[in-house]
C-alpha atoms as a PDB file:
ATOM      1  CA  MET A   1      91.567  99.829 112.467  1.00  0.00           C
ATOM      2  CA  ALA A   2      95.528 100.275 112.509  1.00  0.00           C
ATOM      3  CA  GLU A   3      98.440 102.061 113.890  1.00  0.00           C
ATOM      4  CA  PHE A   4     100.851 103.530 111.556  1.00  0.00           C
ATOM      5  CA  THR A   5     103.955 105.350 111.248  1.00  0.00           C
ATOM      6  CA  VAL A   6     105.323 107.787 108.409  1.00  0.00           C
ATOM      7  CA  MET A   7     108.841 108.335 106.932  1.00  0.00           C
ATOM      8  CA  VAL A   8     109.414 111.093 104.388  1.00  0.00           C
ATOM      9  CA  ALA A   9     111.430 110.517 101.425  1.00  0.00           C
ATOM     10  CA  PRO A  10     111.877 114.365 100.375  1.00  0.00           C
ATOM     11  CA  SER A  11     114.360 114.322  97.109  1.00  0.00           C
ATOM     12  CA  GLY A  12     115.591 110.816  96.211  1.00  0.00           C
ATOM     13  CA  ALA A  13     118.324 110.143  93.788  1.00  0.00           C
ATOM     14  CA  ARG A  14     116.857 111.517  90.460  1.00  0.00           C
ATOM     15  CA  ARG A  15     114.611 114.505  90.791  1.00  0.00           C
ATOM     16  CA  GLY A  16     115.737 118.111  91.006  1.00  0.00           C
ATOM     17  CA  LYS A  17     114.579 121.559  91.219  1.00  0.00           C
ATOM     18  CA  ARG A  18     113.388 121.287  87.561  1.00  0.00           C
ATOM     19  CA  ASP A  19     110.930 118.806  88.567  1.00  0.00           C
ATOM     20  CA  HIS A  20     109.956 120.708  91.384  1.00  0.00           C
ATOM     21  CA  LEU A  21     111.125 123.967  92.959  1.00  0.00           C
ATOM     22  CA  ASN A  22     110.501 123.011  96.480  1.00  0.00           C
ATOM     23  CA  LEU A  23     112.250 119.724  96.314  1.00  0.00           C
ATOM     24  CA  PRO A  24     115.221 119.650  98.809  1.00  0.00           C
ATOM     25  CA  VAL A  25     118.831 119.298  97.719  1.00  0.00           C
ATOM     26  CA  THR A  26     121.078 121.048  99.979  1.00  0.00           C
ATOM     27  CA  PRO A  27     121.650 119.987 103.755  1.00  0.00           C
ATOM     28  CA  GLU A  28     119.626 123.321 104.746  1.00  0.00           C
ATOM     29  CA  GLU A  29     116.822 122.457 102.615  1.00  0.00           C
ATOM     30  CA  ILE A  30     116.674 119.078 103.394  1.00  0.00           C
ATOM     31  CA  ALA A  31     116.658 120.141 107.075  1.00  0.00           C
ATOM     32  CA  GLN A  32     113.763 122.534 106.936  1.00  0.00           C
ATOM     33  CA  THR A  33     111.822 120.081 105.001  1.00  0.00           C
ATOM     34  CA  ALA A  34     112.569 117.699 107.998  1.00  0.00           C
ATOM     35  CA  ALA A  35     111.352 120.086 110.497  1.00  0.00           C
ATOM     36  CA  ASP A  36     108.326 120.676 108.510  1.00  0.00           C
ATOM     37  CA  CYS A  37     107.312 117.176 107.876  1.00  0.00           C
ATOM     38  CA  TYR A  38     107.908 116.170 111.389  1.00  0.00           C
ATOM     39  CA  VAL A  39     105.353 118.704 112.467  1.00  0.00           C
ATOM     40  CA  ALA A  40     103.094 117.339 110.051  1.00  0.00           C
ATOM     41  CA  GLY A  41     103.452 113.701 111.031  1.00  0.00           C
ATOM     42  CA  ALA A  42     106.538 112.300 109.663  1.00  0.00           C
ATOM     43  CA  GLY A  43     108.606 110.520 112.454  1.00  0.00           C
ATOM     44  CA  ALA A  44     111.603 109.419 110.167  1.00  0.00           C
ATOM     45  CA  LEU A  45     113.563 110.928 107.323  1.00  0.00           C
ATOM     46  CA  HIS A  46     114.753 108.626 104.150  1.00  0.00           C
ATOM     47  CA  LEU A  47     117.876 110.858 103.508  1.00  0.00           C
ATOM     48  CA  HIS A  48     119.609 111.195  99.942  1.00  0.00           C
ATOM     49  CA  VAL A  49     122.539 113.267  99.505  1.00  0.00           C
ATOM     50  CA  ARG A  50     124.035 115.162  96.176  1.00  0.00           C
ATOM     51  CA  ASP A  51     127.300 116.180  95.189  1.00  0.00           C
ATOM     52  CA  GLU A  52     128.603 119.448  93.607  1.00  0.00           C
ATOM     53  CA  GLU A  53     126.763 118.772  90.528  1.00  0.00           C
ATOM     54  CA  GLY A  54     123.606 117.919  92.119  1.00  0.00           C
ATOM     55  CA  GLN A  55     124.079 114.052  91.065  1.00  0.00           C
ATOM     56  CA  HIS A  56     123.356 111.346  93.717  1.00  0.00           C
ATOM     57  CA  SER A  57     125.975 110.500  96.125  1.00  0.00           C
ATOM     58  CA  LEU A  58     127.142 108.004  98.825  1.00  0.00           C
ATOM     59  CA  ASP A  59     129.900 110.142 100.346  1.00  0.00           C
ATOM     60  CA  ALA A  60     130.019 109.857 103.960  1.00  0.00           C
ATOM     61  CA  GLY A  61     130.991 113.156 104.521  1.00  0.00           C
ATOM     62  CA  ARG A  62     127.981 114.713 102.641  1.00  0.00           C
ATOM     63  CA  TYR A  63     125.848 112.298 104.634  1.00  0.00           C
ATOM     64  CA  ARG A  64     127.290 113.479 108.072  1.00  0.00           C
ATOM     65  CA  THR A  65     126.682 117.099 107.087  1.00  0.00           C
ATOM     66  CA  ALA A  66     123.063 116.543 106.212  1.00  0.00           C
ATOM     67  CA  MET A  67     122.555 114.535 109.193  1.00  0.00           C
ATOM     68  CA  GLU A  68     123.664 117.115 111.605  1.00  0.00           C
ATOM     69  CA  ALA A  69     121.538 119.630 110.055  1.00  0.00           C
ATOM     70  CA  VAL A  70     118.506 117.324 110.292  1.00  0.00           C
ATOM     71  CA  GLN A  71     119.278 116.733 113.967  1.00  0.00           C
ATOM     72  CA  GLU A  72     119.648 120.533 114.804  1.00  0.00           C
ATOM     73  CA  ALA A  73     116.333 121.510 113.026  1.00  0.00           C
ATOM     74  CA  ALA A  74     113.955 118.350 113.939  1.00  0.00           C
ATOM     75  CA  PRO A  75     115.883 116.732 116.861  1.00  0.00           C
ATOM     76  CA  GLY A  76     113.012 114.083 117.417  1.00  0.00           C
ATOM     77  CA  MET A  77     113.116 112.936 113.579  1.00  0.00           C
ATOM     78  CA  LYS A  78     114.869 109.372 113.158  1.00  0.00           C
ATOM     79  CA  VAL A  79     116.991 109.588 110.093  1.00  0.00           C
ATOM     80  CA  GLN A  80     117.586 106.590 107.567  1.00  0.00           C
ATOM     81  CA  ILE A  81     120.109 106.981 104.919  1.00  0.00           C
ATOM     82  CA  THR A  82     120.126 105.095 101.703  1.00  0.00           C
ATOM     83  CA  THR A  83     122.761 103.051  99.906  1.00  0.00           C
ATOM     84  CA  GLU A  84     120.723 103.031  96.739  1.00  0.00           C
ATOM     85  CA  SER A  85     123.019 102.863  93.564  1.00  0.00           C
ATOM     86  CA  ALA A  86     120.756 104.690  91.059  1.00  0.00           C
ATOM     87  CA  GLY A  87     123.037 103.281  88.476  1.00  0.00           C
ATOM     88  CA  LEU A  88     126.109 105.097  89.493  1.00  0.00           C
ATOM     89  CA  PHE A  89     127.615 102.734  92.286  1.00  0.00           C
ATOM     90  CA  SER A  90     128.627  99.108  92.918  1.00  0.00           C
ATOM     91  CA  PRO A  91     128.154  96.935  95.743  1.00  0.00           C
ATOM     92  CA  LYS A  92     131.510  97.763  96.997  1.00  0.00           C
ATOM     93  CA  ASP A  93     130.881 101.171  96.971  1.00  0.00           C
ATOM     94  CA  GLN A  94     127.709 100.640  98.957  1.00  0.00           C
ATOM     95  CA  LEU A  95     129.428  98.625 101.699  1.00  0.00           C
ATOM     96  CA  HIS A  96     132.028 101.257 101.809  1.00  0.00           C
ATOM     97  CA  CYS A  97     129.512 103.750 102.396  1.00  0.00           C
ATOM     98  CA  LEU A  98     127.997 101.470 105.103  1.00  0.00           C
ATOM     99  CA  MET A  99     131.235 101.053 106.912  1.00  0.00           C
ATOM    100  CA  GLN A 100     132.409 104.637 106.793  1.00  0.00           C
ATOM    101  CA  LEU A 101     129.184 105.994 108.426  1.00  0.00           C
ATOM    102  CA  ARG A 102     128.081 103.223 110.559  1.00  0.00           C
ATOM    103  CA  PRO A 103     124.503 104.600 110.385  1.00  0.00           C
ATOM    104  CA  ALA A 104     121.604 103.977 112.861  1.00  0.00           C
ATOM    105  CA  ALA A 105     119.211 102.942 109.995  1.00  0.00           C
ATOM    106  CA  ALA A 106     120.017 102.323 106.119  1.00  0.00           C
ATOM    107  CA  SER A 107     117.867 101.091 103.165  1.00  0.00           C
ATOM    108  CA  VAL A 108     119.554  98.380 101.008  1.00  0.00           C
ATOM    109  CA  SER A 109     118.420  97.110  97.603  1.00  0.00           C
ATOM    110  CA  VAL A 110     118.231  93.442  97.477  1.00  0.00           C
ATOM    111  CA  ARG A 111     118.614  93.262  93.766  1.00  0.00           C
ATOM    112  CA  GLU A 112     121.426  95.753  93.766  1.00  0.00           C
ATOM    113  CA  MET A 113     123.358  93.667  96.586  1.00  0.00           C
ATOM    114  CA  ALA A 114     122.550  90.289  94.574  1.00  0.00           C
ATOM    115  CA  ARG A 115     125.108  91.788  91.811  1.00  0.00           C
ATOM    116  CA  ASP A 116     127.865  90.617  94.304  1.00  0.00           C
ATOM    117  CA  LEU A 117     127.129  87.757  96.701  1.00  0.00           C
ATOM    118  CA  ALA A 118     130.257  88.087  98.783  1.00  0.00           C
ATOM    119  CA  VAL A 119     130.079  91.896  99.153  1.00  0.00           C
ATOM    120  CA  ALA A 120     126.326  91.487 100.056  1.00  0.00           C
ATOM    121  CA  ALA A 121     127.285  88.941 102.879  1.00  0.00           C
ATOM    122  CA  ARG A 122     129.801  91.494 104.263  1.00  0.00           C
ATOM    123  CA  ALA A 123     127.316  94.493 104.255  1.00  0.00           C
ATOM    124  CA  TYR A 124     124.600  92.350 105.895  1.00  0.00           C
ATOM    125  CA  ALA A 125     127.437  90.961 108.640  1.00  0.00           C
ATOM    126  CA  PHE A 126     128.793  94.251 109.138  1.00  0.00           C
ATOM    127  CA  SER A 127     125.339  96.315 109.717  1.00  0.00           C
ATOM    128  CA  ALA A 128     124.329  93.648 112.034  1.00  0.00           C
ATOM    129  CA  GLU A 129     127.671  94.131 114.109  1.00  0.00           C
ATOM    130  CA  VAL A 130     127.553  98.045 114.261  1.00  0.00           C
ATOM    131  CA  GLY A 131     123.820  98.022 115.003  1.00  0.00           C
ATOM    132  CA  THR A 132     122.710  99.319 111.696  1.00  0.00           C
ATOM    133  CA  ARG A 133     118.843  98.787 111.205  1.00  0.00           C
ATOM    134  CA  VAL A 134     118.684  97.663 107.564  1.00  0.00           C
ATOM    135  CA  GLN A 135     115.501  97.832 105.548  1.00  0.00           C
ATOM    136  CA  HIS A 136     115.467  95.868 102.713  1.00  0.00           C
ATOM    137  CA  ILE A 137     114.058  97.235  99.452  1.00  0.00           C
ATOM    138  CA  LEU A 138     112.120  94.972  97.528  1.00  0.00           C
ATOM    139  CA  TYR A 139     110.847  95.751  93.998  1.00  0.00           C
ATOM    140  CA  GLY A 140     108.830  92.578  93.310  1.00  0.00           C
ATOM    141  CA  SER A 141     108.660  88.708  93.838  1.00  0.00           C
ATOM    142  CA  SER A 142     112.179  88.136  92.788  1.00  0.00           C
ATOM    143  CA  CYS A 143     113.560  90.473  95.388  1.00  0.00           C
ATOM    144  CA  ILE A 144     111.560  88.604  97.925  1.00  0.00           C
ATOM    145  CA  ALA A 145     112.658  85.213  96.691  1.00  0.00           C
ATOM    146  CA  GLN A 146     116.300  86.458  97.059  1.00  0.00           C
ATOM    147  CA  LEU A 147     115.644  87.555 100.397  1.00  0.00           C
ATOM    148  CA  LYS A 148     114.087  84.468 101.413  1.00  0.00           C
ATOM    149  CA  GLU A 149     116.999  82.401 100.049  1.00  0.00           C
ATOM    150  CA  TRP A 150     119.256  84.780 101.998  1.00  0.00           C
ATOM    151  CA  TYR A 151     117.617  83.998 105.143  1.00  0.00           C
ATOM    152  CA  GLY A 152     117.998  80.253 104.545  1.00  0.00           C
ATOM    153  CA  ASP A 153     121.542  80.229 103.976  1.00  0.00           C
ATOM    154  CA  GLY A 154     122.626  82.877 106.557  1.00  0.00           C
ATOM    155  CA  THR A 155     123.436  85.648 104.312  1.00  0.00           C
ATOM    156  CA  VAL A 156     120.863  87.824 105.951  1.00  0.00           C
ATOM    157  CA  PRO A 157     120.727  87.629 109.851  1.00  0.00           C
ATOM    158  CA  PRO A 158     117.028  86.407 110.905  1.00  0.00           C
ATOM    159  CA  SER A 159     116.725  89.547 112.991  1.00  0.00           C
ATOM    160  CA  MET A 160     116.932  91.946 109.749  1.00  0.00           C
ATOM    161  CA  ARG A 161     112.981  91.773 109.441  1.00  0.00           C
ATOM    162  CA  ASP A 162     112.313  95.312 107.847  1.00  0.00           C
ATOM    163  CA  ALA A 163     111.512  95.828 104.450  1.00  0.00           C
ATOM    164  CA  ILE A 164     109.851  98.443 102.346  1.00  0.00           C
ATOM    165  CA  PHE A 165     107.408  97.485  99.224  1.00  0.00           C
ATOM    166  CA  VAL A 166     107.925  99.397  96.071  1.00  0.00           C
ATOM    167  CA  LEU A 167     104.683 100.004  94.202  1.00  0.00           C
ATOM    168  CA  GLY A 168     105.203 101.162  90.539  1.00  0.00           C
ATOM    169  CA  SER A 169     108.688 102.516  89.223  1.00  0.00           C
ATOM    170  CA  TYR A 170     110.400 105.832  88.173  1.00  0.00           C
ATOM    171  CA  ALA A 171     111.946 104.778  85.279  1.00  0.00           C
ATOM    172  CA  PRO A 172     110.382 103.374  83.128  1.00  0.00           C
ATOM    173  CA  PRO A 173     107.658 105.386  84.515  1.00  0.00           C
ATOM    174  CA  VAL A 174     104.720 103.079  86.083  1.00  0.00           C
ATOM    175  CA  LEU A 175     102.332 104.173  88.563  1.00  0.00           C
ATOM    176  CA  GLY A 176     101.982 102.571  91.617  1.00  0.00           C
ATOM    177  CA  GLN A 177      98.409 100.899  92.086  1.00  0.00           C
ATOM    178  CA  PRO A 178      96.668  99.914  95.366  1.00  0.00           C
ATOM    179  CA  GLU A 179      96.188  96.243  94.048  1.00  0.00           C
ATOM    180  CA  ASP A 180      99.782  95.904  93.496  1.00  0.00           C
ATOM    181  CA  LEU A 181     100.203  95.381  97.290  1.00  0.00           C
ATOM    182  CA  ALA A 182      98.551  91.873  97.077  1.00  0.00           C
ATOM    183  CA  GLY A 183     101.261  90.286  95.150  1.00  0.00           C
ATOM    184  CA  PHE A 184     103.986  91.534  97.797  1.00  0.00           C
ATOM    185  CA  LEU A 185     101.786  90.148 100.720  1.00  0.00           C
ATOM    186  CA  SER A 186     101.385  87.118  99.081  1.00  0.00           C
ATOM    187  CA  ALA A 187     105.076  86.477  98.236  1.00  0.00           C
ATOM    188  CA  ALA A 188     106.330  87.401 101.548  1.00  0.00           C
ATOM    189  CA  ALA A 189     103.736  85.927 103.692  1.00  0.00           C
ATOM    190  CA  ASP A 190     106.064  83.534 105.516  1.00  0.00           C
ATOM    191  CA  LEU A 191     108.747  85.960 106.345  1.00  0.00           C
ATOM    192  CA  ARG A 192     107.502  87.812 108.990  1.00  0.00           C
ATOM    193  CA  LEU A 193     108.549  91.160 107.822  1.00  0.00           C
ATOM    194  CA  ASN A 194     108.014  94.540 109.502  1.00  0.00           C
ATOM    195  CA  TRP A 195     106.895  95.970 106.090  1.00  0.00           C
ATOM    196  CA  THR A 196     106.442  99.656 104.804  1.00  0.00           C
ATOM    197  CA  ALA A 197     105.223 100.642 101.370  1.00  0.00           C
ATOM    198  CA  CYS A 198     105.935 103.374  98.744  1.00  0.00           C
ATOM    199  CA  ALA A 199     104.445 104.382  95.692  1.00  0.00           C
ATOM    200  CA  PHE A 200     105.380 106.045  92.500  1.00  0.00           C
ATOM    201  CA  GLY A 201     103.060 108.435  90.896  1.00  0.00           C
ATOM    202  CA  ARG A 202      99.632 110.351  91.849  1.00  0.00           C
ATOM    203  CA  ASN A 203      98.170 107.120  93.090  1.00  0.00           C
ATOM    204  CA  GLU A 204     100.874 107.434  96.189  1.00  0.00           C
ATOM    205  CA  ARG A 205      98.212 108.228  98.745  1.00  0.00           C
ATOM    206  CA  ALA A 206      95.812 105.626  97.801  1.00  0.00           C
ATOM    207  CA  CYS A 207      98.222 103.102  97.671  1.00  0.00           C
ATOM    208  CA  LEU A 208      99.614 104.002 101.283  1.00  0.00           C
ATOM    209  CA  LEU A 209      96.132 104.055 102.769  1.00  0.00           C
ATOM    210  CA  ALA A 210      95.789 100.589 101.603  1.00  0.00           C
ATOM    211  CA  ALA A 211      99.178  99.710 103.037  1.00  0.00           C
ATOM    212  CA  ILE A 212      97.933 101.183 106.353  1.00  0.00           C
ATOM    213  CA  ALA A 213      94.881  99.325 106.190  1.00  0.00           C
ATOM    214  CA  ALA A 214      96.668  96.015 105.686  1.00  0.00           C
ATOM    215  CA  GLY A 215      98.957  96.506 108.639  1.00  0.00           C
ATOM    216  CA  GLY A 216     102.084  98.407 106.944  1.00  0.00           C
ATOM    217  CA  ASP A 217     103.722 101.631 107.630  1.00  0.00           C
ATOM    218  CA  ALA A 218     103.960 104.336 104.664  1.00  0.00           C
ATOM    219  CA  ARG A 219     106.705 106.116 103.219  1.00  0.00           C
ATOM    220  CA  ILE A 220     105.907 109.322 101.152  1.00  0.00           C
ATOM    221  CA  GLY A 221     107.470 112.143  99.644  1.00  0.00           C
ATOM    222  CA  PHE A 222     108.842 113.896  96.398  1.00  0.00           C
ATOM    223  CA  GLU A 223     111.131 110.808  95.886  1.00  0.00           C
ATOM    224  CA  ASN A 224     108.319 108.923  94.700  1.00  0.00           C
ATOM    225  CA  ASN A 225     105.607 111.550  93.625  1.00  0.00           C
ATOM    226  CA  ILE A 226     105.224 115.247  93.354  1.00  0.00           C
ATOM    227  CA  GLU A 227     101.446 115.408  92.332  1.00  0.00           C
ATOM    228  CA  THR A 228      98.009 115.408  94.286  1.00  0.00           C
ATOM    229  CA  PRO A 229      95.627 112.438  93.166  1.00  0.00           C
ATOM    230  CA  GLU A 230      94.132 114.931  90.683  1.00  0.00           C
ATOM    231  CA  GLY A 231      97.294 115.589  89.054  1.00  0.00           C
ATOM    232  CA  GLU A 232      98.341 118.789  90.402  1.00  0.00           C
ATOM    233  CA  MET A 233     101.651 119.714  91.743  1.00  0.00           C
ATOM    234  CA  LEU A 234     101.755 119.334  95.389  1.00  0.00           C
ATOM    235  CA  GLN A 235     102.864 122.540  97.282  1.00  0.00           C
ATOM    236  CA  ASP A 236     105.875 120.325  99.187  1.00  0.00           C
ATOM    237  CA  ASN A 237     106.754 117.335 101.147  1.00  0.00           C
ATOM    238  CA  ALA A 238     104.934 118.523 104.505  1.00  0.00           C
ATOM    239  CA  ALA A 239     101.664 119.154 102.371  1.00  0.00           C
ATOM    240  CA  SER A 240     102.075 115.535 101.307  1.00  0.00           C
ATOM    241  CA  VAL A 241     102.703 113.988 104.532  1.00  0.00           C
ATOM    242  CA  ALA A 242      99.778 116.025 106.161  1.00  0.00           C
ATOM    243  CA  ALA A 243      97.278 115.067 103.570  1.00  0.00           C
ATOM    244  CA  LEU A 244      98.301 111.364 104.023  1.00  0.00           C
ATOM    245  CA  VAL A 245      97.780 111.629 107.690  1.00  0.00           C
ATOM    246  CA  ARG A 246      94.599 113.246 107.499  1.00  0.00           C
ATOM    247  CA  ALA A 247      93.235 110.695 105.192  1.00  0.00           C
ATOM    248  CA  ALA A 248      94.574 108.081 107.347  1.00  0.00           C
ATOM    249  CA  GLN A 249      92.951 109.283 110.583  1.00  0.00           C
ATOM    250  CA  ASP A 250      89.650 109.964 108.570  1.00  0.00           C
ATOM    251  CA  ALA A 251      89.629 106.409 107.814  1.00  0.00           C
ATOM    252  CA  GLY A 252      89.927 105.432 111.428  1.00  0.00           C
ATOM    253  CA  HIS A 253      93.729 104.796 111.541  1.00  0.00           C
ATOM    254  CA  SER A 254      96.005 106.359 114.365  1.00  0.00           C
ATOM    255  CA  LEU A 255      99.258 107.687 113.817  1.00  0.00           C
ATOM    256  CA  LYS A 256     102.106 106.323 116.139  1.00  0.00           C
ATOM    257  CA  GLU A 257     105.747 107.736 116.582  1.00  0.00           C
ATOM    258  CA  GLY A 258     108.197 106.630 114.028  1.00  0.00           C
END
């Protein structure tokens, strides 16, 4: 049986209140969600912030405000920012966010950074210099091949081995399936990754249980899914976290601190 950690991704870049009334958008809502999810078993928060119109933002000031609110509400919870572009930002914008914020942890999409190889090299080197823990976002075998190439040519420092496997997609809508995991594990078999999985759609919990059983960690939350396995609306992010933790423990796995 495996030990596992849970990170919660409570909002993402695209969903809003129209999708679920309990999706947190403001710093105060995110902070309360963080506190509730920490009690439910999530040791870390994957953080997105929004601008005045509710659109995805990489603004360092907005990040700082949200991070301070989370720290006050859930002092024990780790925070990982995202540099995700969501079709709005360039690699230079993503690098600027990292340089302005110098976060303890950040997720970085390999396929987005691959749009500008010079900027990618600067982003990874800067993160290594300031001690940002980078988690590589991997959407499939092409992302894994790119990461492998970057380890080989030194673009990505060899110590940066954290990654997240993304099962399914938001747009176009593709449900993640537990069997999707095998392709990631095969393609990344020689990379010695510290890996986590997330999954889009109502199969999220089944996918994450498969990931835990295979030795990975889990990221769960309304960024990827707002439904129960039966297709009903989840109450909130904390309910989603709690249900996963219960199911994993019922399967004989044990939760460790994130």
